[in-house]
PDB file of all heavy atoms in Angstrom:
ATOM      1  N   ASP A   1      39.307  27.722  -1.071  1.00  0.00           N
ATOM      2  CA  ASP A   1      39.050  26.192  -1.079  1.00  0.00           C
ATOM      3  C   ASP A   1      38.565  25.780  -2.608  1.00  0.00           C
ATOM      4  O   ASP A   1      37.436  26.110  -3.021  1.00  0.00           O
ATOM      5  CB  ASP A   1      37.862  25.852  -0.159  1.00  0.00           C
ATOM      6  CG  ASP A   1      37.573  24.462   0.118  1.00  0.00           C
ATOM      7  OD1 ASP A   1      38.228  23.664  -0.461  1.00  0.00           O
ATOM      8  OD2 ASP A   1      36.464  24.100   0.681  1.00  0.00           O
ATOM      9  N   ILE A   2      39.493  25.064  -3.203  1.00  0.00           N
ATOM     10  CA  ILE A   2      39.368  24.710  -4.542  1.00  0.00           C
ATOM     11  C   ILE A   2      38.776  23.251  -4.528  1.00  0.00           C
ATOM     12  O   ILE A   2      39.321  22.214  -4.164  1.00  0.00           O
ATOM     13  CB  ILE A   2      40.661  24.776  -5.363  1.00  0.00           C
ATOM     14  CG1 ILE A   2      41.333  25.991  -5.222  1.00  0.00           C
ATOM     15  CG2 ILE A   2      40.392  24.356  -6.827  1.00  0.00           C
ATOM     16  CD1 ILE A   2      40.595  27.255  -5.664  1.00  0.00           C
ATOM     17  N   HIS A   3      37.514  23.128  -5.254  1.00  0.00           N
ATOM     18  CA  HIS A   3      36.830  21.783  -5.298  1.00  0.00           C
ATOM     19  C   HIS A   3      37.149  21.090  -6.687  1.00  0.00           C
ATOM     20  O   HIS A   3      37.229  19.835  -6.630  1.00  0.00           O
ATOM     21  CB  HIS A   3      35.369  22.035  -5.075  1.00  0.00           C
ATOM     22  CG  HIS A   3      35.035  22.160  -3.714  1.00  0.00           C
ATOM     23  ND1 HIS A   3      33.737  21.916  -3.140  1.00  0.00           N
ATOM     24  CD2 HIS A   3      35.712  22.527  -2.636  1.00  0.00           C
ATOM     25  CE1 HIS A   3      33.590  22.184  -1.923  1.00  0.00           C
ATOM     26  NE2 HIS A   3      34.916  22.594  -1.470  1.00  0.00           N
ATOM     27  N   VAL A   4      37.083  21.849  -7.715  1.00  0.00           N
ATOM     28  CA  VAL A   4      37.171  21.293  -9.010  1.00  0.00           C
ATOM     29  C   VAL A   4      37.996  22.111  -9.975  1.00  0.00           C
ATOM     30  O   VAL A   4      37.757  23.361  -9.904  1.00  0.00           O
ATOM     31  CB  VAL A   4      35.835  20.789  -9.573  1.00  0.00           C
ATOM     32  CG1 VAL A   4      35.044  22.036  -9.737  1.00  0.00           C
ATOM     33  CG2 VAL A   4      35.957  20.100 -10.906  1.00  0.00           C
ATOM     34  N   LEU A   5      38.806  21.561 -10.793  1.00  0.00           N
ATOM     35  CA  LEU A   5      39.447  22.313 -11.963  1.00  0.00           C
ATOM     36  C   LEU A   5      39.079  21.749 -13.261  1.00  0.00           C
ATOM     37  O   LEU A   5      38.942  20.376 -13.344  1.00  0.00           O
ATOM     38  CB  LEU A   5      40.953  22.229 -11.861  1.00  0.00           C
ATOM     39  CG  LEU A   5      41.564  22.911 -10.600  1.00  0.00           C
ATOM     40  CD1 LEU A   5      43.121  22.682 -10.623  1.00  0.00           C
ATOM     41  CD2 LEU A   5      41.273  24.366 -10.585  1.00  0.00           C
ATOM     42  N   PHE A   6      38.705  22.428 -14.283  1.00  0.00           N
ATOM     43  CA  PHE A   6      38.249  21.893 -15.558  1.00  0.00           C
ATOM     44  C   PHE A   6      38.726  22.747 -16.613  1.00  0.00           C
ATOM     45  O   PHE A   6      38.758  24.047 -16.501  1.00  0.00           O
ATOM     46  CB  PHE A   6      36.701  21.839 -15.630  1.00  0.00           C
ATOM     47  CG  PHE A   6      36.174  21.309 -16.885  1.00  0.00           C
ATOM     48  CD1 PHE A   6      36.056  20.039 -17.046  1.00  0.00           C
ATOM     49  CD2 PHE A   6      35.700  22.220 -17.876  1.00  0.00           C
ATOM     50  CE1 PHE A   6      35.536  19.541 -18.249  1.00  0.00           C
ATOM     51  CE2 PHE A   6      35.291  21.762 -19.155  1.00  0.00           C
ATOM     52  CZ  PHE A   6      35.072  20.531 -19.282  1.00  0.00           C
ATOM     53  N   VAL A   7      39.322  22.108 -17.695  1.00  0.00           N
ATOM     54  CA  VAL A   7      39.820  22.811 -18.834  1.00  0.00           C
ATOM     55  C   VAL A   7      38.863  22.423 -20.094  1.00  0.00           C
ATOM     56  O   VAL A   7      38.817  21.292 -20.381  1.00  0.00           O
ATOM     57  CB  VAL A   7      41.274  22.397 -19.188  1.00  0.00           C
ATOM     58  CG1 VAL A   7      41.820  23.075 -20.364  1.00  0.00           C
ATOM     59  CG2 VAL A   7      42.181  22.632 -18.002  1.00  0.00           C
ATOM     60  N   ASP A   8      38.422  23.494 -20.716  1.00  0.00           N
ATOM     61  CA  ASP A   8      37.482  23.313 -21.763  1.00  0.00           C
ATOM     62  C   ASP A   8      38.269  23.067 -23.150  1.00  0.00           C
ATOM     63  O   ASP A   8      39.516  22.999 -23.215  1.00  0.00           O
ATOM     64  CB  ASP A   8      36.448  24.330 -21.901  1.00  0.00           C
ATOM     65  CG  ASP A   8      37.024  25.697 -22.303  1.00  0.00           C
ATOM     66  OD1 ASP A   8      38.123  25.773 -22.858  1.00  0.00           O
ATOM     67  OD2 ASP A   8      36.470  26.774 -21.991  1.00  0.00           O
ATOM     68  N   MET A   9      37.421  22.871 -24.149  1.00  0.00           N
ATOM     69  CA  MET A   9      38.168  22.478 -25.498  1.00  0.00           C
ATOM     70  C   MET A   9      38.977  23.707 -26.066  1.00  0.00           C
ATOM     71  O   MET A   9      39.812  23.513 -26.861  1.00  0.00           O
ATOM     72  CB  MET A   9      37.013  22.108 -26.571  1.00  0.00           C
ATOM     73  CG  MET A   9      36.024  23.239 -26.819  1.00  0.00           C
ATOM     74  SD  MET A   9      34.825  22.663 -28.110  1.00  0.00           S
ATOM     75  CE  MET A   9      34.055  21.297 -27.331  1.00  0.00           C
ATOM     76  N   ARG A  10      38.741  24.851 -25.523  1.00  0.00           N
ATOM     77  CA  ARG A  10      39.576  26.056 -25.914  1.00  0.00           C
ATOM     78  C   ARG A  10      40.811  26.164 -25.007  1.00  0.00           C
ATOM     79  O   ARG A  10      41.577  26.967 -25.447  1.00  0.00           O
ATOM     80  CB  ARG A  10      38.727  27.331 -25.788  1.00  0.00           C
ATOM     81  CG  ARG A  10      37.461  27.339 -26.527  1.00  0.00           C
ATOM     82  CD  ARG A  10      36.631  28.594 -26.210  1.00  0.00           C
ATOM     83  NE  ARG A  10      35.259  28.640 -26.798  1.00  0.00           N
ATOM     84  CZ  ARG A  10      34.266  27.991 -26.374  1.00  0.00           C
ATOM     85  NH1 ARG A  10      34.410  27.165 -25.261  1.00  0.00           N
ATOM     86  NH2 ARG A  10      33.106  27.909 -27.032  1.00  0.00           N
ATOM     87  N   GLY A  11      40.930  25.254 -24.103  1.00  0.00           N
ATOM     88  CA  GLY A  11      42.176  25.290 -23.223  1.00  0.00           C
ATOM     89  C   GLY A  11      42.045  26.226 -22.083  1.00  0.00           C
ATOM     90  O   GLY A  11      42.947  26.436 -21.450  1.00  0.00           O
ATOM     91  N   THR A  12      40.717  26.803 -21.817  1.00  0.00           N
ATOM     92  CA  THR A  12      40.650  27.729 -20.803  1.00  0.00           C
ATOM     93  C   THR A  12      40.370  26.996 -19.368  1.00  0.00           C
ATOM     94  O   THR A  12      39.613  25.873 -19.412  1.00  0.00           O
ATOM     95  CB  THR A  12      39.272  28.527 -21.016  1.00  0.00           C
ATOM     96  OG1 THR A  12      39.508  29.298 -22.324  1.00  0.00           O
ATOM     97  CG2 THR A  12      39.006  29.488 -19.982  1.00  0.00           C
ATOM     98  N   LEU A  13      40.939  27.405 -18.445  1.00  0.00           N
ATOM     99  CA  LEU A  13      40.809  26.924 -17.057  1.00  0.00           C
ATOM    100  C   LEU A  13      39.638  27.462 -16.306  1.00  0.00           C
ATOM    101  O   LEU A  13      39.521  28.639 -16.243  1.00  0.00           O
ATOM    102  CB  LEU A  13      42.019  27.044 -16.199  1.00  0.00           C
ATOM    103  CG  LEU A  13      42.055  26.662 -14.772  1.00  0.00           C
ATOM    104  CD1 LEU A  13      42.190  25.062 -14.733  1.00  0.00           C
ATOM    105  CD2 LEU A  13      43.353  27.123 -13.958  1.00  0.00           C
ATOM    106  N   TRP A  14      38.782  26.578 -15.827  1.00  0.00           N
ATOM    107  CA  TRP A  14      37.691  26.939 -14.870  1.00  0.00           C
ATOM    108  C   TRP A  14      37.873  26.340 -13.513  1.00  0.00           C
ATOM    109  O   TRP A  14      38.351  25.213 -13.390  1.00  0.00           O
ATOM    110  CB  TRP A  14      36.325  26.331 -15.511  1.00  0.00           C
ATOM    111  CG  TRP A  14      36.007  26.905 -16.847  1.00  0.00           C
ATOM    112  CD1 TRP A  14      36.513  26.407 -18.108  1.00  0.00           C
ATOM    113  CD2 TRP A  14      35.178  28.077 -17.079  1.00  0.00           C
ATOM    114  NE1 TRP A  14      35.931  27.210 -19.012  1.00  0.00           N
ATOM    115  CE2 TRP A  14      35.166  28.179 -18.583  1.00  0.00           C
ATOM    116  CE3 TRP A  14      34.464  29.019 -16.414  1.00  0.00           C
ATOM    117  CZ2 TRP A  14      34.481  29.240 -19.150  1.00  0.00           C
ATOM    118  CZ3 TRP A  14      33.728  29.945 -16.880  1.00  0.00           C
ATOM    119  CH2 TRP A  14      33.687  30.021 -18.357  1.00  0.00           C
ATOM    120  N   VAL A  15      37.482  27.157 -12.511  1.00  0.00           N
ATOM    121  CA  VAL A  15      37.813  26.802 -11.125  1.00  0.00           C
ATOM    122  C   VAL A  15      36.562  26.864 -10.340  1.00  0.00           C
ATOM    123  O   VAL A  15      35.895  27.879 -10.199  1.00  0.00           O
ATOM    124  CB  VAL A  15      38.810  27.758 -10.537  1.00  0.00           C
ATOM    125  CG1 VAL A  15      39.286  27.328  -9.057  1.00  0.00           C
ATOM    126  CG2 VAL A  15      40.029  27.939 -11.398  1.00  0.00           C
ATOM    127  N   GLY A  16      36.210  25.766  -9.772  1.00  0.00           N
ATOM    128  CA  GLY A  16      35.042  25.591  -8.902  1.00  0.00           C
ATOM    129  C   GLY A  16      35.409  25.683  -7.486  1.00  0.00           C
ATOM    130  O   GLY A  16      36.363  24.874  -7.053  1.00  0.00           O
ATOM    131  N   THR A  17      34.861  26.561  -6.624  1.00  0.00           N
ATOM    132  CA  THR A  17      35.314  26.826  -5.311  1.00  0.00           C
ATOM    133  C   THR A  17      34.287  26.303  -4.244  1.00  0.00           C
ATOM    134  O   THR A  17      33.177  26.094  -4.638  1.00  0.00           O
ATOM    135  CB  THR A  17      35.703  28.272  -5.074  1.00  0.00           C
ATOM    136  OG1 THR A  17      34.534  28.955  -4.950  1.00  0.00           O
ATOM    137  CG2 THR A  17      36.657  28.812  -6.114  1.00  0.00           C
ATOM    138  N   GLY A  18      34.722  26.318  -2.953  1.00  0.00           N
ATOM    139  CA  GLY A  18      33.915  25.865  -1.838  1.00  0.00           C
ATOM    140  C   GLY A  18      32.863  26.899  -1.377  1.00  0.00           C
ATOM    141  O   GLY A  18      31.729  26.586  -0.950  1.00  0.00           O
ATOM    142  N   ALA A  19      33.321  28.168  -1.555  1.00  0.00           N
ATOM    143  CA  ALA A  19      32.378  29.321  -1.064  1.00  0.00           C
ATOM    144  C   ALA A  19      32.435  30.542  -1.857  1.00  0.00           C
ATOM    145  O   ALA A  19      31.904  31.526  -1.471  1.00  0.00           O
ATOM    146  CB  ALA A  19      32.903  29.633   0.441  1.00  0.00           C
ATOM    147  N   GLY A  20      33.057  30.473  -3.015  1.00  0.00           N
ATOM    148  CA  GLY A  20      33.206  31.606  -3.916  1.00  0.00           C
ATOM    149  C   GLY A  20      32.662  31.526  -5.301  1.00  0.00           C
ATOM    150  O   GLY A  20      32.785  32.343  -6.057  1.00  0.00           O
ATOM    151  N   GLY A  21      31.912  30.385  -5.599  1.00  0.00           N
ATOM    152  CA  GLY A  21      31.386  30.200  -6.876  1.00  0.00           C
ATOM    153  C   GLY A  21      32.293  29.684  -7.850  1.00  0.00           C
ATOM    154  O   GLY A  21      33.280  28.869  -7.565  1.00  0.00           O
ATOM    155  N   LEU A  22      32.136  30.173  -9.109  1.00  0.00           N
ATOM    156  CA  LEU A  22      32.961  29.678 -10.259  1.00  0.00           C
ATOM    157  C   LEU A  22      33.844  30.853 -10.746  1.00  0.00           C
ATOM    158  O   LEU A  22      33.516  32.071 -10.596  1.00  0.00           O
ATOM    159  CB  LEU A  22      31.983  29.335 -11.431  1.00  0.00           C
ATOM    160  CG  LEU A  22      32.640  28.926 -12.706  1.00  0.00           C
ATOM    161  CD1 LEU A  22      33.398  27.428 -12.576  1.00  0.00           C
ATOM    162  CD2 LEU A  22      31.593  28.767 -13.779  1.00  0.00           C
ATOM    163  N   ALA A  23      35.049  30.451 -11.132  1.00  0.00           N
ATOM    164  CA  ALA A  23      36.047  31.392 -11.607  1.00  0.00           C
ATOM    165  C   ALA A  23      36.668  30.943 -12.939  1.00  0.00           C
ATOM    166  O   ALA A  23      36.908  29.758 -13.164  1.00  0.00           O
ATOM    167  CB  ALA A  23      37.152  31.787 -10.730  1.00  0.00           C
ATOM    168  N   ARG A  24      36.876  31.910 -13.836  1.00  0.00           N
ATOM    169  CA  ARG A  24      37.445  31.573 -15.218  1.00  0.00           C
ATOM    170  C   ARG A  24      38.871  32.213 -15.234  1.00  0.00           C
ATOM    171  O   ARG A  24      38.917  33.422 -14.969  1.00  0.00           O
ATOM    172  CB  ARG A  24      36.559  32.013 -16.346  1.00  0.00           C
ATOM    173  CG  ARG A  24      37.371  31.826 -17.745  1.00  0.00           C
ATOM    174  CD  ARG A  24      36.401  32.261 -18.862  1.00  0.00           C
ATOM    175  NE  ARG A  24      35.769  33.500 -18.675  1.00  0.00           N
ATOM    176  CZ  ARG A  24      36.373  34.644 -19.134  1.00  0.00           C
ATOM    177  NH1 ARG A  24      37.627  34.663 -19.636  1.00  0.00           N
ATOM    178  NH2 ARG A  24      35.710  35.897 -18.969  1.00  0.00           N
ATOM    179  N   TYR A  25      39.895  31.472 -15.552  1.00  0.00           N
ATOM    180  CA  TYR A  25      41.120  32.251 -15.583  1.00  0.00           C
ATOM    181  C   TYR A  25      41.310  32.818 -16.937  1.00  0.00           C
ATOM    182  O   TYR A  25      41.223  32.288 -17.997  1.00  0.00           O
ATOM    183  CB  TYR A  25      42.282  31.073 -15.496  1.00  0.00           C
ATOM    184  CG  TYR A  25      43.608  31.605 -15.484  1.00  0.00           C
ATOM    185  CD1 TYR A  25      44.117  32.518 -14.459  1.00  0.00           C
ATOM    186  CD2 TYR A  25      44.560  31.206 -16.522  1.00  0.00           C
ATOM    187  CE1 TYR A  25      45.403  33.140 -14.623  1.00  0.00           C
ATOM    188  CE2 TYR A  25      45.853  31.828 -16.566  1.00  0.00           C
ATOM    189  CZ  TYR A  25      46.265  32.681 -15.669  1.00  0.00           C
ATOM    190  OH  TYR A  25      47.467  33.253 -15.700  1.00  0.00           O
ATOM    191  N   ASP A  26      41.694  34.145 -16.859  1.00  0.00           N
ATOM    192  CA  ASP A  26      42.084  34.850 -18.027  1.00  0.00           C
ATOM    193  C   ASP A  26      43.529  34.919 -18.235  1.00  0.00           C
ATOM    194  O   ASP A  26      44.215  35.649 -17.524  1.00  0.00           O
ATOM    195  CB  ASP A  26      41.534  36.309 -17.828  1.00  0.00           C
ATOM    196  CG  ASP A  26      41.673  37.171 -19.215  1.00  0.00           C
ATOM    197  OD1 ASP A  26      42.568  36.831 -20.043  1.00  0.00           O
ATOM    198  OD2 ASP A  26      41.050  38.291 -19.354  1.00  0.00           O
ATOM    199  N   ALA A  27      44.099  34.090 -19.160  1.00  0.00           N
ATOM    200  CA  ALA A  27      45.609  34.020 -19.353  1.00  0.00           C
ATOM    201  C   ALA A  27      46.130  35.225 -19.814  1.00  0.00           C
ATOM    202  O   ALA A  27      47.316  35.641 -19.341  1.00  0.00           O
ATOM    203  CB  ALA A  27      45.800  32.832 -20.332  1.00  0.00           C
ATOM    204  N   GLU A  28      45.562  36.082 -20.605  1.00  0.00           N
ATOM    205  CA  GLU A  28      46.095  37.254 -21.064  1.00  0.00           C
ATOM    206  C   GLU A  28      46.299  38.328 -20.004  1.00  0.00           C
ATOM    207  O   GLU A  28      47.299  39.150 -19.964  1.00  0.00           O
ATOM    208  CB  GLU A  28      45.242  37.891 -22.178  1.00  0.00           C
ATOM    209  CG  GLU A  28      45.260  37.054 -23.371  1.00  0.00           C
ATOM    210  CD  GLU A  28      44.471  37.750 -24.638  1.00  0.00           C
ATOM    211  OE1 GLU A  28      43.887  38.860 -24.364  1.00  0.00           O
ATOM    212  OE2 GLU A  28      44.329  37.063 -25.715  1.00  0.00           O
ATOM    213  N   GLN A  29      45.376  38.411 -19.078  1.00  0.00           N
ATOM    214  CA  GLN A  29      45.352  39.352 -17.920  1.00  0.00           C
ATOM    215  C   GLN A  29      46.014  38.828 -16.657  1.00  0.00           C
ATOM    216  O   GLN A  29      46.236  39.484 -15.728  1.00  0.00           O
ATOM    217  CB  GLN A  29      44.036  39.905 -17.703  1.00  0.00           C
ATOM    218  CG  GLN A  29      43.444  40.597 -18.829  1.00  0.00           C
ATOM    219  CD  GLN A  29      44.177  41.873 -19.371  1.00  0.00           C
ATOM    220  OE1 GLN A  29      44.715  42.560 -18.506  1.00  0.00           O
ATOM    221  NE2 GLN A  29      44.112  42.141 -20.654  1.00  0.00           N
ATOM    222  N   ASP A  30      46.208  37.498 -16.734  1.00  0.00           N
ATOM    223  CA  ASP A  30      46.642  36.616 -15.567  1.00  0.00           C
ATOM    224  C   ASP A  30      45.759  37.016 -14.286  1.00  0.00           C
ATOM    225  O   ASP A  30      46.212  37.378 -13.155  1.00  0.00           O
ATOM    226  CB  ASP A  30      48.103  37.059 -15.189  1.00  0.00           C
ATOM    227  CG  ASP A  30      48.652  36.169 -14.084  1.00  0.00           C
ATOM    228  OD1 ASP A  30      48.167  34.963 -14.052  1.00  0.00           O
ATOM    229  OD2 ASP A  30      49.574  36.640 -13.345  1.00  0.00           O
ATOM    230  N   SER A  31      44.345  36.901 -14.537  1.00  0.00           N
ATOM    231  CA  SER A  31      43.475  37.198 -13.628  1.00  0.00           C
ATOM    232  C   SER A  31      42.356  36.194 -13.619  1.00  0.00           C
ATOM    233  O   SER A  31      42.249  35.394 -14.636  1.00  0.00           O
ATOM    234  CB  SER A  31      43.095  38.650 -13.646  1.00  0.00           C
ATOM    235  OG  SER A  31      42.398  38.886 -14.890  1.00  0.00           O
ATOM    236  N   PHE A  32      41.306  36.386 -12.749  1.00  0.00           N
ATOM    237  CA  PHE A  32      40.147  35.573 -12.745  1.00  0.00           C
ATOM    238  C   PHE A  32      38.889  36.297 -12.843  1.00  0.00           C
ATOM    239  O   PHE A  32      38.748  37.422 -12.373  1.00  0.00           O
ATOM    240  CB  PHE A  32      40.171  34.715 -11.426  1.00  0.00           C
ATOM    241  CG  PHE A  32      41.282  33.727 -11.255  1.00  0.00           C
ATOM    242  CD1 PHE A  32      42.493  34.188 -10.734  1.00  0.00           C
ATOM    243  CD2 PHE A  32      41.126  32.370 -11.736  1.00  0.00           C
ATOM    244  CE1 PHE A  32      43.595  33.300 -10.624  1.00  0.00           C
ATOM    245  CE2 PHE A  32      42.249  31.668 -11.645  1.00  0.00           C
ATOM    246  CZ  PHE A  32      43.307  32.011 -11.147  1.00  0.00           C
TER     247      PHE A  32
END
């Protein structure tokens, strides 16, 4: 359940979820 997506000034994607907290996308590893 994805509630919010945010991209910071570095271009990094942050994901706010409904029941799993916060996640940061690591583009080099293609993981969170």
